[in-house]
Protein backbone atom coordinates (compact mmCIF):
# COMPACT_ATOMS: atom_id res chain seq x y z
CA MET A 1 0.03 -0.02 0.01
CA ILE A 2 2.92 2.38 0.90
CA GLU A 3 4.47 1.83 -2.57
CA ASP A 4 1.24 2.42 -4.38
CA ILE A 5 0.58 5.75 -2.65
CA ASN A 6 4.13 6.75 -3.44
CA LYS A 7 3.82 5.78 -7.11
CA SER A 8 0.84 8.13 -7.23
CA GLY A 9 3.22 11.05 -6.64
CA THR A 10 2.76 11.48 -2.93
CA THR A 11 5.98 11.88 -0.84
CA ILE A 12 6.16 9.56 2.26
CA LEU A 13 8.17 9.82 5.49
CA LEU A 14 8.37 6.46 6.88
CA VAL A 15 9.78 5.87 10.26
CA GLU A 16 10.09 2.19 10.64
CA GLN A 17 11.86 -0.34 12.90
CA ASN A 18 11.67 -3.19 10.30
CA ALA A 19 14.87 -2.04 8.47
CA ASN A 20 14.86 -4.73 6.02
CA MET A 21 11.41 -3.88 4.64
CA ALA A 22 11.96 -0.15 4.93
CA LEU A 23 15.23 -0.15 2.96
CA ARG A 24 13.76 -2.41 0.25
CA ILE A 25 11.04 0.05 -0.62
CA ALA A 26 12.79 3.41 0.19
CA SER A 27 14.23 5.69 -2.68
CA ARG A 28 16.16 7.51 0.03
CA ALA A 29 17.04 6.38 3.60
CA TYR A 30 18.65 7.66 6.70
CA VAL A 31 20.04 5.50 9.45
CA LEU A 32 19.93 7.28 12.88
CA GLU A 33 21.86 6.47 16.10
CA THR A 34 21.10 8.16 19.22
CA GLY A 35 19.42 10.91 17.25
CA ALA A 36 22.11 11.60 14.82
CA VAL A 37 22.26 10.65 11.09
CA ILE A 38 25.12 8.18 10.74
CA LEU A 39 24.35 7.07 7.24
CA SER A 40 22.32 8.13 4.21
CA GLY A 41 21.84 7.01 0.71
CA ALA A 42 19.54 5.13 -1.56
CA GLY A 43 17.52 2.48 0.31
CA ARG A 44 18.92 -0.50 -1.76
CA GLU A 45 22.42 0.94 -1.30
CA LEU A 46 22.01 0.95 2.46
CA LEU A 47 20.58 -2.46 2.40
CA GLY A 48 23.90 -3.85 1.04
CA ASP A 49 26.11 -1.68 3.46
CA HIS A 50 27.96 -4.11 5.88
CA ARG A 51 27.39 -1.70 8.75
CA VAL A 52 23.70 -1.62 8.40
CA ARG A 53 23.55 -5.38 7.94
CA GLU A 54 25.60 -6.12 11.01
CA ALA A 55 23.80 -3.55 13.23
CA TYR A 56 20.26 -3.87 12.22
CA LEU A 57 19.69 -6.97 9.95
CA GLY A 58 21.66 -9.57 11.87
CA ALA A 59 24.16 -10.37 9.29
């Protein structure tokens, strides 16, 4: 549903704890740690980042 709304032209700000799902659908993503942005980039790009995988995806 989120993707369909976005495809219709509506910008969405999604705050989500399910990092795997959020990064798969995000065109742009920010990783926060203690309130500060520590990483940013395309969702798929961050999904492949070893730091994100180790910290949030259990890899």
